[in-house]
Protein backbone atom coordinates (compact mmCIF):
# COMPACT_ATOMS: atom_id res chain seq x y z
CA MET A 1 37.71 104.03 128.50
CA GLU A 2 37.25 104.37 124.77
CA PRO A 3 34.35 102.46 123.18
CA ASN A 4 34.69 100.99 119.69
CA PRO A 5 37.92 102.31 118.24
CA GLU A 6 38.24 102.08 114.45
CA VAL A 7 39.57 98.74 113.18
CA LEU A 8 42.49 98.94 110.75
CA TYR A 9 43.65 95.37 110.35
CA ALA A 10 42.94 91.97 111.82
CA ASN A 11 44.43 88.50 111.79
CA PRO A 12 43.14 85.49 113.77
CA PHE A 13 45.10 86.41 116.88
CA SER A 14 45.20 90.21 116.91
CA LEU A 15 43.34 93.34 115.94
CA LEU A 16 44.88 96.67 114.98
CA VAL A 17 42.69 99.59 116.09
CA ILE A 18 42.84 103.39 116.16
CA HIS A 19 42.01 105.07 119.46
CA ASN A 20 39.96 108.29 119.21
CA ARG A 21 43.15 110.25 120.04
CA GLY A 22 44.79 108.84 116.89
CA ARG A 23 46.93 106.29 118.68
CA ILE A 24 47.33 102.92 116.90
CA LEU A 25 47.11 99.87 119.15
CA ARG A 26 47.34 96.14 118.52
CA LEU A 27 45.07 94.02 120.71
CA TYR A 28 46.12 90.39 121.07
CA THR A 29 43.65 87.62 121.78
CA PRO A 30 42.20 86.97 124.18
CA PHE A 31 40.92 90.52 124.67
CA ARG A 32 37.85 91.64 126.58
CA VAL A 33 34.72 93.12 124.99
CA GLN A 34 31.38 94.20 126.42
CA CYS A 35 27.98 93.12 125.06
CA MET A 36 26.06 96.20 123.95
CA GLU A 37 22.72 94.38 124.03
CA SER A 38 21.42 90.99 125.14
CA PHE A 39 22.88 88.54 122.65
CA GLY A 40 24.23 84.98 122.54
CA GLY A 41 22.82 84.22 125.98
CA TRP A 42 24.62 87.15 127.64
CA PRO A 43 22.75 90.11 129.11
CA ALA A 44 23.67 93.63 127.99
CA GLY A 45 26.75 94.92 129.79
CA THR A 46 28.36 91.49 130.22
CA PHE A 47 32.10 91.26 129.58
CA VAL A 48 33.36 88.32 127.50
CA TYR A 49 36.71 87.38 125.96
CA VAL A 50 37.45 87.18 122.22
CA ASP A 51 39.55 84.09 121.46
CA ALA A 52 40.06 84.77 117.72
CA VAL A 53 39.15 87.27 115.01
CA LEU A 54 37.88 86.46 111.51
CA LEU A 55 37.47 88.84 108.59
CA HIS A 56 34.12 88.19 106.89
CA PRO A 57 32.74 89.69 103.64
CA LYS A 58 29.19 90.17 104.98
CA HIS A 59 29.79 91.10 108.63
CA ARG A 60 33.26 92.64 108.10
CA LEU A 61 34.58 91.17 111.35
CA LEU A 62 33.61 88.19 113.49
CA TYR A 63 34.70 87.48 117.06
CA HIS A 64 35.20 83.90 118.23
CA ILE A 65 33.70 83.78 121.73
CA GLY A 66 32.82 80.67 123.70
CA GLY A 67 33.28 78.36 120.71
CA GLN A 68 31.09 80.36 118.28
CA PHE A 69 31.51 83.31 115.92
CA TYR A 70 29.56 86.54 116.47
CA PRO A 71 29.50 89.82 114.48
CA PHE A 72 31.66 92.51 116.06
CA TYR A 73 28.84 95.09 116.15
CA TYR A 74 27.16 93.37 119.12
CA PHE A 75 30.20 94.20 121.27
CA ARG A 76 32.31 97.16 122.24
CA ILE A 77 36.03 97.29 122.95
CA LEU A 78 36.94 99.33 126.02
CA LEU A 79 40.51 100.57 126.09
CA HIS A 80 42.13 101.66 129.33
CA ILE A 81 45.02 103.87 128.25
């Protein structure tokens, strides 16, 4: 499992990331992320699904989860490759 790979590119329905081994992967929504701290009513460690991705000038990247947008830095992507 690789936490928080580097984000290269995003559109509303996918996210292009770089794995720590240099491998480029495209994640399509919905994809699973883990809460790194208690946030949005979820306890730390909870897994939730990202329905859409939005590029944002202030937060860089927002995840659409459960009908609301949240900054990406509250969550981690775990890759199983």
